[in-house]
């Protein structure tokens, strides 16, 4: 095994997990992050079985489980009541559930684990300024909050710097995609339902409503908004929509972290360039409906690190390993985008909702429900379907 200096730009969930995977593989990670600590909020909450397997290999699963909720079943409702359920217990593998945990807790666990296993691996408060060729090697230039500058000459760069990746832009790599029609909004509320640890989806003619359990007897509610809106949303709008479409009575004053968002899809023209690999939102953006984004980033980050650990010492072997891995990850990203689009189609406003309800009832019957559970829990992405 060859010890390599791996510079990771971006210390969000994907960058932190990449660093932990690098430590486990015997590599030396160095994470540069603009922020000075884990972010607040709970935007991304779902951890699917393929990602749970990665956390288990890294010895982190028990901490995640202790701080999350194990969702073993998803319930579907139409206008007039229940349509059926998906039982994740029908899936193969050790982890027959989806774990829900607020993103702030996810980042805190990863940040603390990395500091314990590789003290000093995270350099916080430093922003990327430039990336260029220097004497045949990549050179990254950073600046801190006080204006001081620092240059780094890594063996390999992992760009985990988000949708607006500077590294991707510096290298001139394409990033094609689009924004889907329709807007969404979400907020967390105290759990007043009888769903317990079950997730629930409501297929209303005016649009989707989703509900997921969270730790501390809270629930995340997500709505498809009635019309095109700007990025601002009020708790009153979210509550009114939920009340009308689901008949669950919530109170605006109880809303936590209310926010609006748009669903998008983007995919980089290539996920590697020489000794640079793109990961997470820098590589691909998937609609959040279905909760695949962070998981796809983790799966990709673990694959990149493993490819690096298995590559020979010379630069050509590293670049070849990253190129082969990038093609595999791009195929998986396309599959995730297609799956997310199916989820969105099921939840869009419809003039003939009864047809959709009959279709969903059929999907929730055996054996189709077992296949659906397999797809919803992100299994089989490597096959590109």
Foldseek 3Di string as FASTA:
>chain_A
DDAFEEEEEAQALLSLLLCLLLVVLRYQAAYEHQAPAQDDWFPFWKAFDVNLVSCVVSVNNVVQPVFWFWAQKEWEAEQVGTLFMFGLVLDDDDRSTITTHGRSSSSVSSVVVCCVSPNNRYDYQKDWDAWDADPNFIKTWIAGPVGDIDIDTTLFYEYPPAQVTPVCVRVVWDKDKDFDAFKKKKWKFQAPDPQVQYKYWYAYLQWIWTWGDTPPRMIMIMTTANHDDPWDDALVRRQVVCCVRPVDHDDRVRTHPITMDTFMWIAIPWQDDQRYGYAASNGIGAGPLLSCRSNLRNVLSSQLSVLQSPFDDDSVRNRVSRRVSRVLSRLLRQLRNVLRVVSRVLTHNDPCVVVSSVVVSVCNDPPNSSVVSCVSSSPPSSVSD
